[in-house]
Amino acid sequence: MNAVRAVLVAFVASLLLGLGAANADATFGPKVGVRAPDLGTLPDQTGRLRKLSDLAGKKGIVLVFYRSAGWCPYCQAQLMALNLGAADIQARGYNVVGLSYDSPTVAKSFVDKRAITYALLSDPKSEVIDSWGLRDPQYPVGHRAYGVPRPAIFVLNRKGVVKASLAEQSYQKRPPVAEVIKALDGIK
């Protein structure tokens, strides 16, 4: 079973890694050079309350806003691909952190099932998602996706300043890990 899982993860990651370049400096969310809105303290997949400063690497954070690890296959594939690239990202001084409206229980189930090595933060009322201007407006109240963010990746330095942003207009396309690493390598 582990061999099948490894092949599946490698296949999904190769699909994500092979996607075209992401839109640099997304048209939504905080802009490059601006201090990002504070996340406050959010529970991770274990229920432990965390601040970004607690999770940052030597240089900062690669903050991944995703729709849901519980039901979105594009998010699941992206999170697994980022897990494969997490060591390369950490070698550059950054830690990966995910954030969605998922409950800690949903996040923990995914982390445990897929052996994810980084924190997934829970924003169940989408307050942080809203403060970042990322709520996807296409979902009305009552829809299961109401409150999800537009998928986006922001690179923040330790002071919370956005150093890079990567996103696509469609939730079906995600910035590949290679683009994240390229963005990190381009930060001065």
N, C-alpha and C. Protein backbone atom coordinates (compact mmCIF):
# COMPACT_ATOMS: atom_id res chain seq x y z
N MET A 1 0.82 -1.19 0.00
CA MET A 1 0.00 0.00 0.00
C MET A 1 0.87 1.27 0.00
N ASN A 2 1.97 1.26 0.77
CA ASN A 2 2.84 2.43 0.81
C ASN A 2 3.48 2.71 -0.54
N ALA A 3 3.80 1.66 -1.30
CA ALA A 3 4.38 1.86 -2.63
C ALA A 3 3.37 2.49 -3.57
N VAL A 4 2.12 2.05 -3.49
CA VAL A 4 1.06 2.63 -4.32
C VAL A 4 0.86 4.09 -3.96
N ARG A 5 0.85 4.36 -2.68
CA ARG A 5 0.68 5.74 -2.20
C ARG A 5 1.83 6.62 -2.68
N ALA A 6 3.05 6.12 -2.60
CA ALA A 6 4.21 6.89 -3.03
C ALA A 6 4.15 7.20 -4.52
N VAL A 7 3.71 6.23 -5.31
CA VAL A 7 3.58 6.44 -6.75
C VAL A 7 2.50 7.48 -7.03
N LEU A 8 1.37 7.37 -6.32
CA LEU A 8 0.28 8.32 -6.51
C LEU A 8 0.72 9.74 -6.14
N VAL A 9 1.39 9.89 -5.02
CA VAL A 9 1.88 11.20 -4.60
C VAL A 9 2.87 11.76 -5.62
N ALA A 10 3.77 10.92 -6.09
CA ALA A 10 4.75 11.38 -7.09
C ALA A 10 4.06 11.79 -8.38
N PHE A 11 3.03 11.04 -8.78
CA PHE A 11 2.29 11.38 -10.00
C PHE A 11 1.57 12.72 -9.85
N VAL A 12 0.86 12.89 -8.75
CA VAL A 12 0.13 14.14 -8.51
C VAL A 12 1.12 15.31 -8.43
N ALA A 13 2.22 15.11 -7.75
CA ALA A 13 3.21 16.18 -7.64
C ALA A 13 3.78 16.53 -9.01
N SER A 14 4.02 15.52 -9.84
CA SER A 14 4.57 15.81 -11.16
C SER A 14 3.57 16.61 -11.99
N LEU A 15 2.29 16.33 -11.82
CA LEU A 15 1.28 17.12 -12.52
C LEU A 15 1.33 18.57 -12.07
N LEU A 16 1.40 18.77 -10.77
CA LEU A 16 1.44 20.14 -10.25
C LEU A 16 2.75 20.83 -10.59
N LEU A 17 3.84 20.10 -10.52
CA LEU A 17 5.13 20.71 -10.81
C LEU A 17 5.24 21.08 -12.29
N GLY A 18 4.48 20.40 -13.12
CA GLY A 18 4.57 20.66 -14.54
C GLY A 18 3.65 21.75 -15.04
N LEU A 19 2.81 22.31 -14.19
CA LEU A 19 1.91 23.36 -14.63
C LEU A 19 2.68 24.60 -15.02
N GLY A 20 2.05 25.44 -15.81
CA GLY A 20 2.68 26.68 -16.25
C GLY A 20 2.94 27.62 -15.10
N ALA A 21 3.65 28.69 -15.40
CA ALA A 21 4.01 29.67 -14.39
C ALA A 21 2.77 30.33 -13.80
N ALA A 22 2.83 30.61 -12.54
CA ALA A 22 1.73 31.28 -11.85
C ALA A 22 1.78 32.77 -12.13
N ASN A 23 0.65 33.41 -11.91
CA ASN A 23 0.59 34.86 -12.02
C ASN A 23 1.36 35.46 -10.86
N ALA A 24 2.40 36.19 -11.13
CA ALA A 24 3.13 36.85 -10.07
C ALA A 24 2.30 38.04 -9.59
N ASP A 25 2.37 38.35 -8.32
CA ASP A 25 1.64 39.45 -7.70
C ASP A 25 0.17 39.37 -8.08
N ALA A 26 -0.53 38.46 -7.46
CA ALA A 26 -1.93 38.20 -7.74
C ALA A 26 -2.76 39.47 -7.68
N THR A 27 -3.88 39.44 -8.38
CA THR A 27 -4.76 40.61 -8.39
C THR A 27 -5.64 40.67 -7.15
N PHE A 28 -5.50 39.72 -6.26
CA PHE A 28 -6.24 39.72 -5.01
C PHE A 28 -5.27 39.46 -3.87
N GLY A 29 -5.66 39.89 -2.68
CA GLY A 29 -4.79 39.73 -1.51
C GLY A 29 -3.80 40.87 -1.41
N PRO A 30 -3.01 40.86 -0.35
CA PRO A 30 -2.02 41.94 -0.16
C PRO A 30 -0.95 41.93 -1.25
N LYS A 31 -0.48 43.10 -1.58
CA LYS A 31 0.50 43.27 -2.65
C LYS A 31 1.93 43.11 -2.13
N VAL A 32 2.83 42.80 -3.03
CA VAL A 32 4.24 42.68 -2.70
C VAL A 32 4.73 44.02 -2.16
N GLY A 33 5.49 43.97 -1.08
CA GLY A 33 6.04 45.16 -0.46
C GLY A 33 5.20 45.72 0.68
N VAL A 34 3.99 45.18 0.85
CA VAL A 34 3.08 45.65 1.88
C VAL A 34 3.11 44.67 3.06
N ARG A 35 2.96 45.22 4.26
CA ARG A 35 2.84 44.35 5.43
C ARG A 35 1.48 43.67 5.37
N ALA A 36 1.47 42.36 5.44
CA ALA A 36 0.24 41.58 5.36
C ALA A 36 -0.59 41.74 6.63
N PRO A 37 -1.90 41.58 6.52
CA PRO A 37 -2.74 41.61 7.72
C PRO A 37 -2.29 40.53 8.71
N ASP A 38 -2.40 40.84 9.98
CA ASP A 38 -2.00 39.90 11.03
C ASP A 38 -2.94 38.70 11.04
N LEU A 39 -2.39 37.54 11.24
CA LEU A 39 -3.22 36.33 11.33
C LEU A 39 -3.73 36.11 12.74
N GLY A 40 -3.14 36.80 13.70
CA GLY A 40 -3.52 36.54 15.07
C GLY A 40 -3.02 35.17 15.49
N THR A 41 -3.83 34.48 16.27
CA THR A 41 -3.50 33.14 16.75
C THR A 41 -4.58 32.19 16.27
N LEU A 42 -4.16 31.17 15.54
CA LEU A 42 -5.09 30.20 14.97
C LEU A 42 -4.70 28.79 15.40
N PRO A 43 -5.68 27.89 15.50
CA PRO A 43 -5.34 26.50 15.81
C PRO A 43 -4.76 25.78 14.59
N ASP A 44 -3.77 24.93 14.87
CA ASP A 44 -3.24 24.08 13.80
C ASP A 44 -4.01 22.77 13.80
N GLN A 45 -3.53 21.81 13.04
CA GLN A 45 -4.23 20.53 12.90
C GLN A 45 -4.32 19.75 14.21
N THR A 46 -3.51 20.08 15.19
CA THR A 46 -3.59 19.39 16.48
C THR A 46 -4.46 20.15 17.48
N GLY A 47 -4.92 21.34 17.09
CA GLY A 47 -5.69 22.19 17.99
C GLY A 47 -4.83 23.17 18.75
N ARG A 48 -3.52 23.06 18.60
CA ARG A 48 -2.59 23.97 19.28
C ARG A 48 -2.68 25.36 18.66
N LEU A 49 -2.78 26.39 19.48
CA LEU A 49 -2.86 27.76 18.99
C LEU A 49 -1.48 28.20 18.54
N ARG A 50 -1.42 28.76 17.31
CA ARG A 50 -0.15 29.13 16.71
C ARG A 50 -0.22 30.54 16.15
N LYS A 51 0.92 31.22 16.17
CA LYS A 51 1.11 32.50 15.48
C LYS A 51 2.12 32.26 14.37
N LEU A 52 2.05 33.08 13.34
CA LEU A 52 3.01 32.90 12.25
C LEU A 52 4.44 33.02 12.73
N SER A 53 4.68 33.91 13.68
CA SER A 53 6.05 34.09 14.18
C SER A 53 6.58 32.80 14.80
N ASP A 54 5.69 31.97 15.35
CA ASP A 54 6.09 30.68 15.93
C ASP A 54 6.45 29.66 14.84
N LEU A 55 5.89 29.85 13.66
CA LEU A 55 6.04 28.87 12.59
C LEU A 55 7.07 29.25 11.55
N ALA A 56 7.55 30.49 11.61
CA ALA A 56 8.45 31.02 10.58
C ALA A 56 9.82 30.33 10.60
N GLY A 57 10.39 30.23 9.42
CA GLY A 57 11.77 29.81 9.29
C GLY A 57 12.68 31.00 9.55
N LYS A 58 13.96 30.83 9.32
CA LYS A 58 14.94 31.89 9.55
C LYS A 58 14.61 33.16 8.76
N LYS A 59 14.10 32.99 7.55
CA LYS A 59 13.79 34.14 6.69
C LYS A 59 12.30 34.47 6.65
N GLY A 60 11.43 33.50 6.96
CA GLY A 60 10.01 33.78 6.92
C GLY A 60 9.15 32.56 6.63
N ILE A 61 8.04 32.83 5.95
CA ILE A 61 6.99 31.83 5.74
C ILE A 61 6.54 31.80 4.29
N VAL A 62 6.23 30.62 3.82
CA VAL A 62 5.49 30.43 2.57
C VAL A 62 4.08 30.06 3.03
N LEU A 63 3.16 31.03 2.94
CA LEU A 63 1.80 30.86 3.44
C LEU A 63 0.88 30.49 2.28
N VAL A 64 0.28 29.33 2.40
CA VAL A 64 -0.54 28.76 1.34
C VAL A 64 -2.01 28.82 1.77
N PHE A 65 -2.79 29.63 1.08
CA PHE A 65 -4.24 29.64 1.29
C PHE A 65 -4.84 28.62 0.34
N TYR A 66 -5.61 27.68 0.90
CA TYR A 66 -6.22 26.63 0.08
C TYR A 66 -7.68 26.47 0.49
N ARG A 67 -8.45 25.90 -0.40
CA ARG A 67 -9.90 25.78 -0.19
C ARG A 67 -10.24 24.77 0.91
N SER A 68 -9.86 23.52 0.74
CA SER A 68 -10.15 22.49 1.74
C SER A 68 -9.33 21.24 1.48
N ALA A 69 -8.72 20.74 2.54
CA ALA A 69 -8.01 19.46 2.44
C ALA A 69 -8.99 18.30 2.56
N GLY A 70 -10.22 18.60 2.98
CA GLY A 70 -11.22 17.56 3.15
C GLY A 70 -11.94 17.17 1.87
N TRP A 71 -12.21 18.14 0.99
CA TRP A 71 -13.02 17.83 -0.18
C TRP A 71 -12.48 18.34 -1.52
N CYS A 72 -11.45 19.17 -1.53
CA CYS A 72 -10.94 19.75 -2.77
C CYS A 72 -9.73 18.95 -3.28
N PRO A 73 -9.89 18.19 -4.37
CA PRO A 73 -8.77 17.38 -4.86
C PRO A 73 -7.60 18.23 -5.36
N TYR A 74 -7.86 19.44 -5.85
CA TYR A 74 -6.79 20.33 -6.31
C TYR A 74 -5.95 20.79 -5.11
N CYS A 75 -6.63 21.07 -4.01
CA CYS A 75 -5.93 21.47 -2.79
C CYS A 75 -5.10 20.30 -2.24
N GLN A 76 -5.71 19.14 -2.21
CA GLN A 76 -5.01 17.96 -1.71
C GLN A 76 -3.73 17.72 -2.51
N ALA A 77 -3.85 17.80 -3.83
CA ALA A 77 -2.67 17.58 -4.68
C ALA A 77 -1.62 18.66 -4.43
N GLN A 78 -2.06 19.92 -4.30
CA GLN A 78 -1.12 21.00 -4.05
C GLN A 78 -0.41 20.81 -2.71
N LEU A 79 -1.15 20.47 -1.68
CA LEU A 79 -0.55 20.30 -0.35
C LEU A 79 0.44 19.13 -0.35
N MET A 80 0.13 18.07 -1.08
CA MET A 80 1.06 16.94 -1.17
C MET A 80 2.32 17.33 -1.94
N ALA A 81 2.15 18.09 -3.03
CA ALA A 81 3.31 18.54 -3.80
C ALA A 81 4.19 19.46 -2.96
N LEU A 82 3.58 20.36 -2.21
CA LEU A 82 4.36 21.25 -1.34
C LEU A 82 5.09 20.46 -0.27
N ASN A 83 4.48 19.38 0.19
CA ASN A 83 5.14 18.53 1.17
C ASN A 83 6.43 17.94 0.59
N LEU A 84 6.36 17.56 -0.69
CA LEU A 84 7.56 17.02 -1.35
C LEU A 84 8.64 18.09 -1.51
N GLY A 85 8.23 19.36 -1.65
CA GLY A 85 9.18 20.45 -1.81
C GLY A 85 9.52 21.18 -0.53
N ALA A 86 8.94 20.76 0.59
CA ALA A 86 9.13 21.47 1.86
C ALA A 86 10.60 21.53 2.28
N ALA A 87 11.35 20.47 2.07
CA ALA A 87 12.77 20.47 2.46
C ALA A 87 13.55 21.50 1.65
N ASP A 88 13.26 21.61 0.35
CA ASP A 88 13.94 22.62 -0.49
C ASP A 88 13.56 24.03 -0.04
N ILE A 89 12.31 24.21 0.34
CA ILE A 89 11.85 25.51 0.82
C ILE A 89 12.53 25.84 2.15
N GLN A 90 12.58 24.87 3.05
CA GLN A 90 13.24 25.07 4.34
C GLN A 90 14.73 25.36 4.17
N ALA A 91 15.35 24.73 3.19
CA ALA A 91 16.78 24.97 2.94
C ALA A 91 17.03 26.43 2.55
N ARG A 92 16.00 27.10 2.08
CA ARG A 92 16.11 28.52 1.70
C ARG A 92 15.72 29.44 2.85
N GLY A 93 15.41 28.87 4.01
CA GLY A 93 15.12 29.67 5.21
C GLY A 93 13.65 29.94 5.47
N TYR A 94 12.76 29.26 4.75
CA TYR A 94 11.32 29.48 4.91
C TYR A 94 10.63 28.19 5.34
N ASN A 95 9.55 28.33 6.08
CA ASN A 95 8.71 27.19 6.42
C ASN A 95 7.39 27.33 5.70
N VAL A 96 6.84 26.21 5.27
CA VAL A 96 5.52 26.18 4.64
C VAL A 96 4.46 26.12 5.73
N VAL A 97 3.39 26.90 5.54
CA VAL A 97 2.23 26.86 6.43
C VAL A 97 0.99 26.97 5.55
N GLY A 98 0.02 26.09 5.78
CA GLY A 98 -1.24 26.15 5.04
C GLY A 98 -2.32 26.79 5.88
N LEU A 99 -3.33 27.37 5.23
CA LEU A 99 -4.44 28.00 5.94
C LEU A 99 -5.72 27.84 5.12
N SER A 100 -6.77 27.36 5.78
CA SER A 100 -8.08 27.25 5.13
C SER A 100 -9.17 27.37 6.19
N TYR A 101 -10.40 27.24 5.73
CA TYR A 101 -11.52 27.26 6.68
C TYR A 101 -11.76 25.89 7.30
N ASP A 102 -10.98 24.89 6.93
CA ASP A 102 -11.12 23.55 7.50
C ASP A 102 -10.97 23.59 9.01
N SER A 103 -11.69 22.72 9.68
CA SER A 103 -11.52 22.56 11.13
C SER A 103 -10.19 21.86 11.40
N PRO A 104 -9.66 21.98 12.61
CA PRO A 104 -8.44 21.23 12.94
C PRO A 104 -8.62 19.73 12.72
N THR A 105 -9.81 19.20 12.96
CA THR A 105 -10.06 17.77 12.77
C THR A 105 -9.90 17.36 11.31
N VAL A 106 -10.46 18.16 10.40
CA VAL A 106 -10.32 17.87 8.97
C VAL A 106 -8.85 17.97 8.56
N ALA A 107 -8.18 19.02 9.03
CA ALA A 107 -6.75 19.20 8.70
C ALA A 107 -5.92 18.04 9.24
N LYS A 108 -6.19 17.62 10.48
CA LYS A 108 -5.43 16.53 11.08
C LYS A 108 -5.62 15.23 10.32
N SER A 109 -6.83 14.97 9.90
CA SER A 109 -7.10 13.76 9.13
C SER A 109 -6.26 13.74 7.86
N PHE A 110 -6.20 14.87 7.17
CA PHE A 110 -5.41 14.95 5.94
C PHE A 110 -3.92 14.83 6.24
N VAL A 111 -3.45 15.55 7.25
CA VAL A 111 -2.03 15.51 7.63
C VAL A 111 -1.61 14.08 7.97
N ASP A 112 -2.43 13.40 8.76
CA ASP A 112 -2.10 12.03 9.16
C ASP A 112 -2.13 11.07 7.96
N LYS A 113 -3.14 11.22 7.12
CA LYS A 113 -3.29 10.32 5.97
C LYS A 113 -2.18 10.51 4.95
N ARG A 114 -1.73 11.74 4.75
CA ARG A 114 -0.76 12.05 3.71
C ARG A 114 0.64 12.38 4.23
N ALA A 115 0.86 12.22 5.54
CA ALA A 115 2.16 12.46 6.16
C ALA A 115 2.70 13.86 5.85
N ILE A 116 1.83 14.84 5.97
CA ILE A 116 2.22 16.23 5.73
C ILE A 116 3.11 16.68 6.89
N THR A 117 4.20 17.36 6.56
CA THR A 117 5.21 17.71 7.57
C THR A 117 5.13 19.16 8.05
N TYR A 118 4.18 19.92 7.54
CA TYR A 118 4.07 21.33 7.94
C TYR A 118 2.69 21.59 8.55
N ALA A 119 2.56 22.74 9.20
CA ALA A 119 1.32 23.08 9.90
C ALA A 119 0.23 23.52 8.94
N LEU A 120 -1.00 23.09 9.25
CA LEU A 120 -2.19 23.56 8.56
C LEU A 120 -3.03 24.31 9.60
N LEU A 121 -3.23 25.59 9.36
CA LEU A 121 -3.97 26.43 10.29
C LEU A 121 -5.45 26.47 9.91
N SER A 122 -6.29 26.60 10.94
CA SER A 122 -7.73 26.59 10.76
C SER A 122 -8.32 27.99 11.00
N ASP A 123 -9.09 28.46 10.02
CA ASP A 123 -9.79 29.75 10.08
C ASP A 123 -11.28 29.48 9.80
N PRO A 124 -11.97 28.80 10.74
CA PRO A 124 -13.32 28.30 10.46
C PRO A 124 -14.37 29.37 10.16
N LYS A 125 -14.17 30.58 10.62
CA LYS A 125 -15.12 31.66 10.33
C LYS A 125 -14.64 32.53 9.17
N SER A 126 -13.53 32.16 8.57
CA SER A 126 -12.94 32.87 7.41
C SER A 126 -12.59 34.33 7.74
N GLU A 127 -12.31 34.61 8.99
CA GLU A 127 -11.97 35.98 9.38
C GLU A 127 -10.63 36.42 8.81
N VAL A 128 -9.64 35.56 8.87
CA VAL A 128 -8.33 35.88 8.30
C VAL A 128 -8.44 35.91 6.78
N ILE A 129 -9.14 34.94 6.23
CA ILE A 129 -9.35 34.90 4.79
C ILE A 129 -9.96 36.22 4.31
N ASP A 130 -10.94 36.74 5.05
CA ASP A 130 -11.56 38.02 4.70
C ASP A 130 -10.60 39.18 4.87
N SER A 131 -9.83 39.17 5.96
CA SER A 131 -8.91 40.30 6.20
C SER A 131 -7.83 40.38 5.13
N TRP A 132 -7.54 39.26 4.48
CA TRP A 132 -6.56 39.23 3.39
C TRP A 132 -7.21 39.49 2.03
N GLY A 133 -8.54 39.63 2.00
CA GLY A 133 -9.24 39.88 0.74
C GLY A 133 -9.25 38.68 -0.18
N LEU A 134 -9.31 37.48 0.40
CA LEU A 134 -9.18 36.26 -0.40
C LEU A 134 -10.45 35.42 -0.50
N ARG A 135 -11.53 35.82 0.19
CA ARG A 135 -12.74 35.00 0.12
C ARG A 135 -13.20 34.90 -1.33
N ASP A 136 -13.47 33.68 -1.77
CA ASP A 136 -13.93 33.46 -3.13
C ASP A 136 -15.40 33.88 -3.20
N PRO A 137 -15.72 34.92 -3.99
CA PRO A 137 -17.07 35.47 -4.00
C PRO A 137 -18.11 34.64 -4.74
N GLN A 138 -17.69 33.57 -5.40
CA GLN A 138 -18.65 32.81 -6.21
C GLN A 138 -19.56 31.90 -5.40
N TYR A 139 -19.28 31.72 -4.09
CA TYR A 139 -20.06 30.79 -3.30
C TYR A 139 -20.98 31.52 -2.34
N PRO A 140 -22.30 31.29 -2.44
CA PRO A 140 -23.26 31.97 -1.57
C PRO A 140 -23.33 31.31 -0.18
N VAL A 141 -23.90 32.04 0.75
CA VAL A 141 -24.15 31.51 2.10
C VAL A 141 -24.93 30.20 1.94
N GLY A 142 -24.56 29.20 2.69
CA GLY A 142 -25.22 27.90 2.63
C GLY A 142 -24.52 26.90 1.73
N HIS A 143 -23.71 27.37 0.81
CA HIS A 143 -22.93 26.46 -0.06
C HIS A 143 -21.77 25.89 0.76
N ARG A 144 -21.41 24.65 0.55
CA ARG A 144 -20.33 24.05 1.35
C ARG A 144 -19.01 24.78 1.18
N ALA A 145 -18.84 25.48 0.07
CA ALA A 145 -17.59 26.20 -0.17
C ALA A 145 -17.66 27.67 0.29
N TYR A 146 -18.78 28.07 0.88
CA TYR A 146 -18.90 29.45 1.37
C TYR A 146 -17.80 29.71 2.40
N GLY A 147 -17.00 30.73 2.15
CA GLY A 147 -15.92 31.09 3.08
C GLY A 147 -14.55 30.61 2.65
N VAL A 148 -14.47 29.83 1.55
CA VAL A 148 -13.15 29.37 1.12
C VAL A 148 -12.36 30.53 0.53
N PRO A 149 -11.04 30.46 0.65
CA PRO A 149 -10.22 31.50 0.01
C PRO A 149 -9.98 31.14 -1.45
N ARG A 150 -9.63 32.15 -2.21
CA ARG A 150 -9.07 31.88 -3.53
C ARG A 150 -7.69 31.29 -3.25
N PRO A 151 -7.33 30.21 -3.91
CA PRO A 151 -6.02 29.62 -3.65
C PRO A 151 -4.91 30.61 -4.02
N ALA A 152 -4.00 30.81 -3.10
CA ALA A 152 -2.88 31.73 -3.32
C ALA A 152 -1.75 31.37 -2.38
N ILE A 153 -0.55 31.74 -2.79
CA ILE A 153 0.64 31.54 -1.97
C ILE A 153 1.31 32.90 -1.79
N PHE A 154 1.62 33.22 -0.54
CA PHE A 154 2.32 34.46 -0.22
C PHE A 154 3.60 34.12 0.53
N VAL A 155 4.68 34.75 0.11
CA VAL A 155 5.95 34.61 0.82
C VAL A 155 6.07 35.85 1.70
N LEU A 156 6.19 35.62 3.01
CA LEU A 156 6.31 36.71 3.97
C LEU A 156 7.67 36.64 4.65
N ASN A 157 8.28 37.81 4.86
CA ASN A 157 9.50 37.80 5.65
C ASN A 157 9.11 37.74 7.13
N ARG A 158 10.08 37.72 8.01
CA ARG A 158 9.79 37.57 9.44
C ARG A 158 9.04 38.77 10.02
N LYS A 159 9.03 39.89 9.31
CA LYS A 159 8.29 41.07 9.77
C LYS A 159 6.86 41.10 9.20
N GLY A 160 6.50 40.10 8.39
CA GLY A 160 5.16 40.03 7.83
C GLY A 160 4.98 40.79 6.54
N VAL A 161 6.07 41.23 5.93
CA VAL A 161 5.99 41.93 4.66
C VAL A 161 5.93 40.91 3.52
N VAL A 162 5.00 41.13 2.59
CA VAL A 162 4.85 40.24 1.45
C VAL A 162 6.04 40.45 0.52
N LYS A 163 6.79 39.40 0.30
CA LYS A 163 7.96 39.45 -0.58
C LYS A 163 7.64 38.86 -1.96
N ALA A 164 6.60 38.02 -2.04
CA ALA A 164 6.17 37.45 -3.31
C ALA A 164 4.75 36.94 -3.14
N SER A 165 3.99 36.96 -4.22
CA SER A 165 2.66 36.36 -4.22
C SER A 165 2.48 35.59 -5.52
N LEU A 166 1.91 34.43 -5.39
CA LEU A 166 1.70 33.54 -6.53
C LEU A 166 0.27 33.03 -6.49
N ALA A 167 -0.43 33.17 -7.59
CA ALA A 167 -1.81 32.69 -7.63
C ALA A 167 -2.25 32.51 -9.07
N GLU A 168 -3.34 31.84 -9.22
CA GLU A 168 -3.99 31.66 -10.51
C GLU A 168 -5.43 32.14 -10.35
N GLN A 169 -6.05 32.51 -11.44
CA GLN A 169 -7.44 32.94 -11.39
C GLN A 169 -8.39 31.76 -11.17
N SER A 170 -8.01 30.58 -11.62
CA SER A 170 -8.85 29.39 -11.49
C SER A 170 -8.38 28.53 -10.32
N TYR A 171 -9.34 28.02 -9.56
CA TYR A 171 -8.99 27.14 -8.45
C TYR A 171 -8.41 25.81 -8.96
N GLN A 172 -8.58 25.52 -10.24
CA GLN A 172 -8.10 24.27 -10.80
C GLN A 172 -6.62 24.30 -11.16
N LYS A 173 -6.03 25.48 -11.17
CA LYS A 173 -4.59 25.60 -11.43
C LYS A 173 -3.94 26.16 -10.17
N ARG A 174 -2.79 25.63 -9.83
CA ARG A 174 -2.07 26.07 -8.64
C ARG A 174 -0.63 26.38 -9.00
N PRO A 175 -0.05 27.37 -8.32
CA PRO A 175 1.37 27.63 -8.55
C PRO A 175 2.19 26.38 -8.20
N PRO A 176 2.97 25.87 -9.14
CA PRO A 176 3.77 24.68 -8.85
C PRO A 176 4.92 25.00 -7.89
N VAL A 177 5.39 23.97 -7.24
CA VAL A 177 6.48 24.12 -6.27
C VAL A 177 7.71 24.77 -6.91
N ALA A 178 7.98 24.43 -8.15
CA ALA A 178 9.14 25.02 -8.84
C ALA A 178 9.01 26.55 -8.90
N GLU A 179 7.80 27.06 -9.09
CA GLU A 179 7.58 28.50 -9.12
C GLU A 179 7.77 29.12 -7.74
N VAL A 180 7.36 28.42 -6.70
CA VAL A 180 7.55 28.90 -5.34
C VAL A 180 9.04 29.01 -5.05
N ILE A 181 9.78 28.00 -5.40
CA ILE A 181 11.23 28.00 -5.17
C ILE A 181 11.90 29.10 -6.00
N LYS A 182 11.45 29.27 -7.24
CA LYS A 182 11.99 30.34 -8.08
C LYS A 182 11.72 31.71 -7.43
N ALA A 183 10.53 31.89 -6.89
CA ALA A 183 10.20 33.15 -6.20
C ALA A 183 11.10 33.36 -4.99
N LEU A 184 11.33 32.29 -4.21
CA LEU A 184 12.21 32.41 -3.04
C LEU A 184 13.62 32.78 -3.46
N ASP A 185 14.09 32.16 -4.53
CA ASP A 185 15.45 32.43 -5.01
C ASP A 185 15.59 33.86 -5.53
N GLY A 186 14.46 34.47 -5.94
CA GLY A 186 14.50 35.82 -6.46
C GLY A 186 14.36 36.92 -5.41
N ILE A 187 14.11 36.54 -4.17
CA ILE A 187 13.96 37.52 -3.10
C ILE A 187 15.31 38.02 -2.67
N LYS A 188 15.43 39.33 -2.58
CA LYS A 188 16.71 39.93 -2.18
C LYS A 188 16.71 40.19 -0.70
